[in-house]
Amino acid sequence: MIVDFVRILRAADIRVSPAETLEAAAIIDKVGIGDKTLLRVALGQGLAKTESEKAIFNECFESYFATPDEINSTTNENASESDEDESENESESSLADMKLSQMLTTGDDAALQAAMMQAAKEAGISEARLFTQQGIFTRRILEAMGLDELDERLREMRTQNGDGEGNGGGGGGSQSSGASGALETLEQSRAALFESVRDFVEAQIAMRTRNAGRLLREEALSRLRLAALDKSDMALLRDLTRKLAKKLASRHVRRRKKNLRGVLDIRRTMRRNQAHDGLLFNLAWRRVKRDKPKLIVMCDVSGSVAAVAQFFLMFLYNLGDVMPRTRSFVFSNRCGEISQMMADHDIEKAMALALREYGGGSTDYGTSFTDLYDATSDDIDRHTSVLILGDARSNFGDPGHGVLREIHNKAKRVIWLNPEARVSWNVGDSEMRRLGAYCTDVHVCNSLRQVERVVDSLLKYAG
């Protein structure tokens, strides 16, 4: 049950780790599910971390743990009055042996609810993902509850009712009337059961697919070329960038904690525990000292490359707490540092200022690399990564490969991200072959998913 509930929370954009899932299972074992208020509070303490998540959690909880509505209780009460002796006999039977027709005839709402939940589990309702599956799962649940037996019982009652009406007679009239009333009541209960199961399935699918459309849209946007995006998608893409950056930051924090702890030193651990007959009470960890890395980023903000540069810098901006020491530069016909702009303003305003100051010119790699080297030569050493985002098109001017060679010789590594497809490299004024010769790594990077992959690799290197 808890695994299915956690799946619903994740579909609603609440991040739940495997460890938190195990803790939630332990909570259910401890408090049970009888007191829903207590269960909601107990689970909410560990699964919902923010105010917005708590609101979503409460909504998901009420939907998931709500019992199905009582099924046509009024007609069931009438049915039990018309057949009191049968009700008394059936009440002695165990719930597992009760047939669907008996549950409806006796008006046993608790048994009907339990049967519906069990049938939903058997039908695989947790795998429902599309509203077009509503009819399929409704039918599966009804069949698992015993719809065939109920329909057979109704056919028998119709046959008996028809025979009774054909015989006529004084006493037979009242018996026929009673049988007809029981048949009508059971048919009404069947219709009410169908409506209840259909509503239950609809609610389950809605709960499990509440963010399916948005998630599908986000996945599609993350893979589209940033230069080809429509302006109407920019707001959603900015939100998606922040979300992906937050996910990467969380992943990196866990990775860094593991690195700080180190790896288990088997020899030292065994020596420490010799007095305990080999029982490992005191663990020894082997830590590797890491020099704090530095990162220099240089982004082309001319033409269509500007869109990729904007979202790449936005990624770095949202990772400020976990990124290594970073200096950010942009260029077109000249290169300038925007680190202070990004520190003083939000990313949208910082990018607007950067484009106004350094964008709009004809790309000049020779001048821009010289400007970058003059500004950072004292800062580049064997702990520095230099990341360049650009299409390597020099407008048939100086590509600056000589200066890039000097940067490559001093830096730990040089990474080039090109938003153009590889088939366009070295065509026309592209200088990718000459510039790529002085790069440690060269990658295509023109979508948000590729930006995420590159930034993730930077964080791994940063340790």
Protein backbone atom coordinates (compact mmCIF):
# COMPACT_ATOMS: atom_id res chain seq x y z
CA MET A 1 0.00 0.00 0.00
CA ILE A 2 2.68 2.52 0.97
CA VAL A 3 4.63 1.90 -2.24
CA ASP A 4 1.54 2.72 -4.29
CA PHE A 5 0.86 5.84 -2.20
CA VAL A 6 4.46 7.01 -2.63
CA ARG A 7 4.11 6.54 -6.39
CA ILE A 8 1.11 8.88 -6.30
CA LEU A 9 3.05 11.45 -4.27
CA ARG A 10 5.90 11.36 -6.78
CA ALA A 11 3.41 11.83 -9.62
CA ALA A 12 2.26 14.95 -7.76
CA ASP A 13 5.85 16.33 -7.70
CA ILE A 14 6.62 15.39 -4.08
CA ARG A 15 10.08 13.87 -3.94
CA VAL A 16 10.20 10.78 -1.72
CA SER A 17 13.42 8.83 -1.29
CA PRO A 18 13.60 5.04 -0.79
CA ALA A 19 14.66 5.62 2.83
CA GLU A 20 11.61 7.83 3.43
CA THR A 21 9.43 5.12 1.90
CA LEU A 22 10.78 2.58 4.40
CA GLU A 23 10.17 5.04 7.25
CA ALA A 24 6.59 5.54 6.06
CA ALA A 25 6.04 1.77 6.02
CA ALA A 26 7.30 1.59 9.61
CA ILE A 27 4.90 4.39 10.58
CA ILE A 28 1.94 2.50 9.14
CA ASP A 29 2.99 -0.62 11.05
CA LYS A 30 3.18 1.46 14.22
CA VAL A 31 -0.01 3.56 14.07
CA GLY A 32 -2.17 1.44 11.76
CA ILE A 33 -4.79 2.82 9.38
CA GLY A 34 -7.75 2.92 11.75
CA ASP A 35 -7.28 6.56 12.79
CA LYS A 36 -6.87 8.43 9.51
CA THR A 37 -6.15 11.76 11.16
CA LEU A 38 -3.28 10.27 13.15
CA LEU A 39 -1.99 8.46 10.07
CA ARG A 40 -2.12 11.62 7.94
CA VAL A 41 -0.19 13.64 10.53
CA ALA A 42 2.37 10.88 11.10
CA LEU A 43 3.05 10.29 7.40
CA GLY A 44 3.03 14.00 6.61
CA GLN A 45 5.87 14.65 9.07
CA GLY A 46 8.28 12.61 6.98
CA LEU A 47 6.95 12.78 3.43
CA ALA A 48 6.02 16.47 3.04
CA LYS A 49 8.94 18.84 3.57
CA THR A 50 7.56 22.24 2.56
CA GLU A 51 4.27 24.10 2.98
CA SER A 52 3.36 23.60 -0.67
CA GLU A 53 4.18 19.89 -0.42
CA LYS A 54 2.03 19.57 2.71
CA ALA A 55 -0.99 20.95 0.85
CA ILE A 56 -0.44 18.51 -2.02
CA PHE A 57 0.20 15.66 0.44
CA ASN A 58 -3.08 16.28 2.27
CA GLU A 59 -4.99 16.26 -1.01
CA CYS A 60 -3.34 13.03 -2.14
CA PHE A 61 -3.90 11.43 1.27
CA GLU A 62 -7.62 12.23 1.32
CA SER A 63 -8.02 10.86 -2.20
CA TYR A 64 -6.01 7.70 -1.65
CA PHE A 65 -7.21 6.66 1.79
CA ALA A 66 -10.86 7.63 1.30
CA THR A 67 -13.19 4.63 1.37
CA PRO A 68 -15.63 4.33 -1.54
CA ASP A 69 -19.01 5.98 -0.95
CA GLU A 70 -21.69 3.87 0.63
CA ILE A 71 -23.41 2.13 -2.22
CA ASN A 72 -27.11 2.85 -2.49
CA SER A 73 -27.70 2.36 1.22
CA THR A 74 -31.37 3.33 1.02
CA THR A 75 -32.32 0.64 -1.47
CA ASN A 76 -30.21 -1.86 0.42
CA GLU A 77 -32.12 -1.12 3.61
CA ASN A 78 -35.38 -1.82 1.78
CA ALA A 79 -33.93 -5.03 0.45
CA SER A 80 -32.94 -6.22 3.92
CA GLU A 81 -36.44 -5.50 5.26
CA SER A 82 -38.09 -7.52 2.49
CA ASP A 83 -35.88 -10.53 3.08
CA GLU A 84 -35.02 -10.47 6.79
CA ASP A 85 -34.63 -14.21 7.19
CA GLU A 86 -32.13 -14.41 4.33
CA SER A 87 -30.18 -11.50 5.84
CA GLU A 88 -29.88 -13.27 9.18
CA ASN A 89 -28.56 -16.43 7.54
CA GLU A 90 -26.06 -14.54 5.43
CA SER A 91 -24.75 -12.52 8.37
CA GLU A 92 -23.45 -15.75 9.80
CA SER A 93 -21.30 -16.38 6.72
CA SER A 94 -17.76 -15.12 6.56
CA LEU A 95 -16.97 -12.12 4.37
CA ALA A 96 -14.74 -14.22 2.14
CA ASP A 97 -17.62 -16.60 1.32
CA MET A 98 -20.22 -13.93 0.62
CA LYS A 99 -21.38 -13.53 -2.95
CA LEU A 100 -21.90 -10.15 -4.58
CA SER A 101 -25.65 -10.70 -4.81
CA GLN A 102 -25.74 -11.44 -1.08
CA MET A 103 -23.79 -8.28 -0.22
CA LEU A 104 -26.19 -6.16 -2.27
CA THR A 105 -29.29 -7.89 -0.93
CA THR A 106 -28.26 -7.54 2.70
CA GLY A 107 -26.98 -3.99 2.28
CA ASP A 108 -23.55 -4.88 3.71
CA ASP A 109 -21.68 -1.68 2.83
CA ALA A 110 -18.52 -2.69 4.70
CA ALA A 111 -18.31 -5.95 2.77
CA LEU A 112 -18.94 -4.15 -0.52
CA GLN A 113 -16.21 -1.60 0.20
CA ALA A 114 -13.74 -4.32 1.17
CA ALA A 115 -14.64 -6.34 -1.93
CA MET A 116 -14.21 -3.30 -4.16
CA MET A 117 -10.78 -2.46 -2.76
CA GLN A 118 -9.62 -6.07 -3.08
CA ALA A 119 -10.99 -6.29 -6.63
CA ALA A 120 -9.27 -3.01 -7.55
CA LYS A 121 -5.97 -4.43 -6.34
CA GLU A 122 -6.49 -7.63 -8.34
CA ALA A 123 -7.44 -5.61 -11.43
CA GLY A 124 -4.17 -3.65 -11.20
CA ILE A 125 -5.71 -0.22 -10.67
CA SER A 126 -2.28 1.09 -9.64
CA GLU A 127 -1.17 0.69 -13.28
CA ALA A 128 -3.99 2.86 -14.67
CA ARG A 129 -2.52 5.85 -16.48
CA LEU A 130 -5.08 6.97 -19.10
CA PHE A 131 -8.69 8.12 -18.83
CA THR A 132 -9.48 5.92 -21.83
CA GLN A 133 -8.82 2.96 -19.51
CA GLN A 134 -11.75 3.88 -17.26
CA GLY A 135 -14.17 1.43 -18.89
CA ILE A 136 -11.63 -1.40 -18.90
CA PHE A 137 -10.81 -1.11 -15.20
CA THR A 138 -14.46 -0.63 -14.23
CA ARG A 139 -15.30 -3.90 -15.95
CA ARG A 140 -12.30 -5.70 -14.44
CA ILE A 141 -13.22 -4.63 -10.91
CA LEU A 142 -16.87 -5.62 -11.33
CA GLU A 143 -15.86 -9.01 -12.69
CA ALA A 144 -13.41 -9.53 -9.81
CA MET A 145 -16.20 -8.64 -7.35
CA GLY A 146 -18.46 -11.33 -8.88
CA LEU A 147 -20.50 -9.61 -11.59
CA ASP A 148 -21.09 -12.89 -13.42
CA GLU A 149 -22.61 -14.44 -10.30
CA LEU A 150 -24.81 -11.37 -9.78
CA ASP A 151 -26.08 -11.43 -13.36
CA GLU A 152 -26.81 -15.15 -13.08
CA ARG A 153 -28.79 -14.49 -9.89
CA LEU A 154 -30.78 -11.77 -11.65
CA ARG A 155 -31.59 -14.11 -14.55
CA GLU A 156 -32.84 -16.74 -12.12
CA MET A 157 -35.02 -14.18 -10.34
CA ARG A 158 -36.45 -12.96 -13.65
CA THR A 159 -37.27 -16.53 -14.64
CA GLN A 160 -38.91 -17.24 -11.28
CA ASN A 161 -40.80 -13.97 -11.43
CA GLY A 162 -42.10 -14.83 -14.90
CA ASP A 163 -43.27 -18.26 -13.74
CA GLY A 164 -45.03 -16.72 -10.73
CA GLU A 165 -46.94 -14.25 -12.86
CA GLY A 166 -48.01 -17.04 -15.22
CA ASN A 167 -49.48 -19.18 -12.39
CA GLY A 168 -51.66 -16.36 -10.98
CA GLY A 169 -53.90 -17.29 -7.97
CA GLY A 170 -54.88 -15.60 -4.72
CA GLY A 171 -51.82 -16.23 -2.54
CA GLY A 172 -49.48 -16.29 -5.49
CA GLY A 173 -50.18 -12.64 -6.23
CA SER A 174 -48.57 -11.38 -3.04
CA GLN A 175 -45.61 -13.74 -3.47
CA SER A 176 -45.18 -12.58 -7.06
CA SER A 177 -45.34 -8.95 -5.94
CA GLY A 178 -42.67 -9.58 -3.30
CA ALA A 179 -40.42 -11.37 -5.78
CA SER A 180 -40.88 -8.56 -8.27
CA GLY A 181 -39.93 -6.00 -5.62
CA ALA A 182 -36.80 -7.97 -4.66
CA LEU A 183 -35.80 -8.21 -8.32
CA GLU A 184 -36.28 -4.48 -8.86
CA THR A 185 -34.29 -3.66 -5.73
CA LEU A 186 -31.40 -5.91 -6.75
CA GLU A 187 -31.35 -4.41 -10.26
CA GLN A 188 -31.22 -0.92 -8.73
CA SER A 189 -28.39 -2.04 -6.45
CA ARG A 190 -26.50 -3.42 -9.46
CA ALA A 191 -26.85 -0.08 -11.26
CA ALA A 192 -25.71 1.78 -8.13
CA LEU A 193 -22.73 -0.56 -7.79
CA PHE A 194 -21.72 0.12 -11.39
CA GLU A 195 -21.89 3.89 -10.81
CA SER A 196 -19.88 3.61 -7.60
CA VAL A 197 -17.14 1.50 -9.20
CA ARG A 198 -16.98 3.82 -12.21
CA ASP A 199 -16.63 6.88 -9.95
CA PHE A 200 -13.97 5.09 -7.92
CA VAL A 201 -11.95 4.22 -11.04
CA GLU A 202 -12.28 7.77 -12.38
CA ALA A 203 -10.98 9.19 -9.09
CA GLN A 204 -8.09 6.71 -9.03
CA ILE A 205 -6.99 7.54 -12.58
CA ALA A 206 -7.31 11.28 -11.92
CA MET A 207 -5.18 10.91 -8.80
CA ARG A 208 -2.47 8.95 -10.60
CA THR A 209 -2.34 11.17 -13.69
CA ARG A 210 -2.78 14.61 -12.14
CA ASN A 211 0.54 15.87 -13.57
CA ALA A 212 0.89 13.51 -16.52
CA GLY A 213 0.19 16.14 -19.16
CA ARG A 214 2.56 18.68 -17.64
CA LEU A 215 5.29 16.08 -17.14
CA LEU A 216 4.94 14.96 -20.75
CA ARG A 217 5.20 18.57 -21.90
CA GLU A 218 8.26 19.17 -19.72
CA GLU A 219 9.97 16.07 -21.08
CA ALA A 220 9.31 17.19 -24.65
CA LEU A 221 10.57 20.72 -23.96
CA SER A 222 13.73 19.45 -22.29
CA ARG A 223 14.70 17.65 -25.50
CA LEU A 224 13.84 20.39 -28.00
CA ARG A 225 16.54 22.65 -29.41
CA LEU A 226 16.60 25.77 -27.26
CA ALA A 227 17.10 28.02 -30.27
CA ALA A 228 13.86 26.71 -31.82
CA LEU A 229 11.59 27.16 -28.79
CA ASP A 230 8.51 29.32 -29.00
CA LYS A 231 8.36 32.39 -26.76
CA SER A 232 5.20 31.03 -25.13
CA ASP A 233 7.27 28.14 -23.73
CA MET A 234 9.92 30.31 -22.09
CA ALA A 235 8.17 30.67 -18.72
CA LEU A 236 7.65 26.91 -18.43
CA LEU A 237 11.23 26.27 -19.51
CA ARG A 238 12.57 28.64 -16.86
CA ASP A 239 10.58 26.77 -14.20
CA LEU A 240 11.84 23.47 -15.59
CA THR A 241 15.42 24.76 -15.47
CA ARG A 242 15.05 25.66 -11.80
CA LYS A 243 13.51 22.28 -11.06
CA LEU A 244 16.28 20.34 -12.82
CA ALA A 245 18.92 22.48 -11.12
CA LYS A 246 17.35 21.78 -7.73
CA LYS A 247 17.38 18.05 -8.47
CA LEU A 248 21.04 18.17 -9.49
CA ALA A 249 21.94 20.17 -6.38
CA SER A 250 20.26 17.62 -4.13
CA ARG A 251 22.02 14.76 -5.91
CA HIS A 252 25.38 16.52 -5.62
CA VAL A 253 24.94 17.22 -1.90
CA ARG A 254 24.39 13.51 -1.26
CA ARG A 255 27.41 12.65 -3.42
CA ARG A 256 29.58 15.20 -1.62
CA LYS A 257 28.59 13.85 1.80
CA LYS A 258 29.60 10.39 0.67
CA ASN A 259 32.93 11.69 -0.65
CA LEU A 260 33.63 13.56 2.59
CA ARG A 261 32.99 10.40 4.55
CA GLY A 262 35.38 8.47 2.31
CA VAL A 263 35.52 4.74 1.65
CA LEU A 264 35.85 1.97 4.18
CA ASP A 265 39.48 1.23 5.08
CA ILE A 266 39.42 -2.54 5.60
CA ARG A 267 42.91 -2.90 7.10
CA ARG A 268 42.53 -0.10 9.66
CA THR A 269 39.04 -1.32 10.54
CA MET A 270 40.28 -4.86 11.21
CA ARG A 271 43.16 -3.56 13.36
CA ARG A 272 40.82 -1.35 15.38
CA ASN A 273 38.51 -4.26 16.15
CA GLN A 274 41.00 -6.99 17.03
CA ALA A 275 39.96 -6.74 20.68
CA HIS A 276 36.34 -7.47 19.73
CA ASP A 277 36.98 -10.88 18.14
CA GLY A 278 36.41 -9.53 14.66
CA LEU A 279 33.13 -7.75 15.40
CA LEU A 280 33.24 -4.40 13.61
CA PHE A 281 32.35 -1.88 16.30
CA ASN A 282 34.73 0.88 15.15
CA LEU A 283 34.88 1.65 11.44
CA ALA A 284 37.80 3.43 9.80
CA TRP A 285 37.32 5.50 6.68
CA ARG A 286 39.91 6.41 4.08
CA ARG A 287 39.55 9.96 2.84
CA VAL A 288 41.15 11.38 -0.28
CA LYS A 289 42.15 15.03 0.01
CA ARG A 290 40.72 17.03 -2.86
CA ASP A 291 41.84 20.46 -3.93
CA LYS A 292 38.87 22.75 -4.39
CA PRO A 293 38.26 23.09 -8.14
CA LYS A 294 37.64 26.32 -10.04
CA LEU A 295 35.44 26.90 -13.06
CA ILE A 296 35.63 29.57 -15.76
CA VAL A 297 32.65 29.77 -18.12
CA MET A 298 32.70 31.64 -21.44
CA CYS A 299 29.43 31.85 -23.42
CA ASP A 300 28.72 33.20 -26.89
CA VAL A 301 25.69 35.52 -26.71
CA SER A 302 25.44 36.34 -30.40
CA GLY A 303 22.64 35.10 -32.65
CA SER A 304 20.92 31.80 -31.94
CA VAL A 305 23.63 30.73 -29.49
CA ALA A 306 22.31 33.29 -27.00
CA ALA A 307 19.28 31.12 -26.14
CA VAL A 308 21.47 28.17 -25.15
CA ALA A 309 23.83 30.47 -23.24
CA GLN A 310 20.94 31.98 -21.30
CA PHE A 311 19.66 28.65 -20.02
CA PHE A 312 23.14 27.32 -19.37
CA LEU A 313 23.97 30.34 -17.21
CA MET A 314 20.56 30.03 -15.54
CA PHE A 315 21.49 26.47 -14.59
CA LEU A 316 24.75 27.66 -13.05
CA TYR A 317 22.95 30.52 -11.30
CA ASN A 318 20.54 28.10 -9.60
CA LEU A 319 23.44 25.90 -8.51
CA GLY A 320 25.43 28.66 -6.84
CA ASP A 321 25.55 26.88 -3.47
CA VAL A 322 27.07 23.65 -4.79
CA MET A 323 29.09 24.72 -7.84
CA PRO A 324 32.86 25.19 -7.51
CA ARG A 325 34.26 28.72 -7.53
CA THR A 326 32.91 30.07 -10.81
CA ARG A 327 33.68 33.10 -12.97
CA SER A 328 31.24 33.74 -15.82
CA PHE A 329 32.04 35.55 -19.08
CA VAL A 330 30.02 36.32 -22.20
CA PHE A 331 31.20 37.50 -25.62
CA SER A 332 30.33 38.42 -29.17
CA ASN A 333 32.87 40.85 -30.68
CA ARG A 334 34.50 41.25 -27.24
CA CYS A 335 34.48 39.36 -23.95
CA GLY A 336 33.46 40.60 -20.52
CA GLU A 337 32.85 39.16 -17.07
CA ILE A 338 29.28 39.06 -15.70
CA SER A 339 29.93 37.28 -12.38
CA GLN A 340 29.04 40.40 -10.39
CA MET A 341 25.91 40.99 -12.47
CA MET A 342 24.70 37.48 -11.65
CA ALA A 343 25.47 38.03 -7.98
CA ASP A 344 23.65 41.37 -7.79
CA HIS A 345 20.54 40.60 -9.88
CA ASP A 346 18.17 37.78 -10.67
CA ILE A 347 19.19 35.76 -13.70
CA GLU A 348 16.68 37.33 -16.12
CA LYS A 349 17.85 40.86 -15.36
CA ALA A 350 21.50 39.82 -15.32
CA MET A 351 21.15 38.26 -18.77
CA ALA A 352 19.38 41.36 -20.11
CA LEU A 353 22.23 43.54 -18.83
CA ALA A 354 24.83 41.16 -20.27
CA LEU A 355 23.19 41.12 -23.70
CA ARG A 356 22.95 44.90 -23.73
CA GLU A 357 26.61 45.25 -22.75
CA TYR A 358 28.26 42.47 -24.76
CA GLY A 359 25.70 41.07 -27.21
CA GLY A 360 24.75 42.13 -30.69
CA GLY A 361 28.22 42.27 -32.18
CA SER A 362 29.74 40.13 -34.91
CA THR A 363 31.45 37.13 -33.31
CA ASP A 364 35.20 37.62 -32.90
CA TYR A 365 36.84 34.61 -31.26
CA GLY A 366 40.36 35.99 -31.57
CA THR A 367 39.63 39.18 -29.62
CA SER A 368 37.34 37.38 -27.16
CA PHE A 369 39.90 34.69 -26.26
CA THR A 370 42.51 37.39 -25.76
CA ASP A 371 40.16 39.31 -23.45
CA LEU A 372 39.42 36.12 -21.50
CA TYR A 373 43.09 35.23 -21.11
CA ASP A 374 44.01 38.74 -19.96
CA ALA A 375 41.27 38.62 -17.31
CA THR A 376 41.91 35.09 -16.03
CA SER A 377 45.53 34.13 -16.72
CA ASP A 378 46.51 34.50 -13.06
CA ASP A 379 43.51 32.40 -12.00
CA ILE A 380 43.98 29.48 -14.41
CA ASP A 381 45.96 26.58 -12.97
CA ARG A 382 45.86 22.78 -12.71
CA HIS A 383 42.68 22.98 -10.63
CA THR A 384 40.75 25.06 -13.17
CA SER A 385 38.21 23.86 -15.71
CA VAL A 386 37.45 26.19 -18.60
CA LEU A 387 34.08 25.70 -20.28
CA ILE A 388 33.33 27.40 -23.61
CA LEU A 389 29.86 27.55 -25.15
CA GLY A 390 29.83 28.65 -28.79
CA ASP A 391 29.34 27.57 -32.40
CA ALA A 392 33.05 28.12 -33.29
CA ARG A 393 32.08 30.25 -36.32
CA SER A 394 34.72 32.96 -36.68
CA ASN A 395 33.24 34.87 -39.65
CA PHE A 396 36.46 33.89 -41.48
CA GLY A 397 38.48 35.93 -39.00
CA ASP A 398 41.09 34.92 -36.42
CA PRO A 399 39.68 31.90 -34.51
CA GLY A 400 41.98 32.56 -31.57
CA HIS A 401 43.34 29.00 -31.48
CA GLY A 402 46.76 30.26 -30.39
CA VAL A 403 45.36 31.84 -27.23
CA LEU A 404 43.17 28.79 -26.61
CA ARG A 405 46.34 26.66 -26.75
CA GLU A 406 47.83 28.76 -23.93
CA ILE A 407 44.66 28.35 -21.87
CA HIS A 408 44.69 24.59 -22.53
CA ASN A 409 48.32 24.29 -21.41
CA LYS A 410 47.61 25.98 -18.07
CA ALA A 411 44.16 24.58 -17.20
CA LYS A 412 43.15 21.22 -15.82
CA ARG A 413 40.79 20.74 -18.75
CA VAL A 414 39.00 22.70 -21.46
CA ILE A 415 35.46 21.71 -22.43
CA TRP A 416 33.75 23.00 -25.58
CA LEU A 417 29.96 22.90 -25.96
CA ASN A 418 28.69 23.49 -29.48
CA PRO A 419 24.94 24.05 -30.05
CA GLU A 420 25.23 22.98 -33.69
CA ALA A 421 24.87 19.39 -34.87
CA ARG A 422 28.15 17.63 -35.61
CA VAL A 423 27.38 17.52 -39.34
CA SER A 424 27.63 21.34 -39.37
CA TRP A 425 31.05 21.44 -37.74
CA ASN A 426 33.94 22.47 -40.01
CA VAL A 427 31.51 23.64 -42.69
CA GLY A 428 31.82 27.21 -43.98
CA ASP A 429 33.40 29.49 -41.38
CA SER A 430 33.28 26.87 -38.61
CA GLU A 431 36.68 26.46 -36.91
CA MET A 432 35.68 23.50 -34.75
CA ARG A 433 38.56 21.31 -35.95
CA ARG A 434 41.28 23.83 -35.06
CA LEU A 435 39.68 24.92 -31.79
CA GLY A 436 38.70 21.39 -30.78
CA ALA A 437 42.35 20.34 -30.98
CA TYR A 438 42.99 22.30 -27.77
CA CYS A 439 39.98 20.96 -25.85
CA THR A 440 39.84 18.04 -23.46
CA ASP A 441 36.20 17.31 -24.32
CA VAL A 442 33.90 18.48 -27.11
CA HIS A 443 30.11 17.96 -26.95
CA VAL A 444 26.94 18.93 -28.76
CA CYS A 445 24.79 20.99 -26.39
CA ASN A 446 21.58 22.53 -27.70
CA SER A 447 18.78 21.29 -25.41
CA LEU A 448 17.98 21.59 -21.74
CA ARG A 449 18.53 17.85 -21.26
CA GLN A 450 22.04 18.15 -22.71
CA VAL A 451 22.73 21.19 -20.52
CA GLU A 452 21.67 19.14 -17.50
CA ARG A 453 24.02 16.32 -18.50
CA VAL A 454 26.99 18.67 -18.86
CA VAL A 455 26.34 20.43 -15.55
CA ASP A 456 25.95 17.08 -13.80
CA SER A 457 29.36 16.01 -15.08
CA LEU A 458 30.84 19.28 -13.79
CA LEU A 459 29.38 18.65 -10.35
CA LYS A 460 30.74 15.11 -10.32
CA TYR A 461 34.17 16.46 -11.11
CA ALA A 462 33.78 19.10 -8.40
CA GLY A 463 33.18 16.28 -5.92
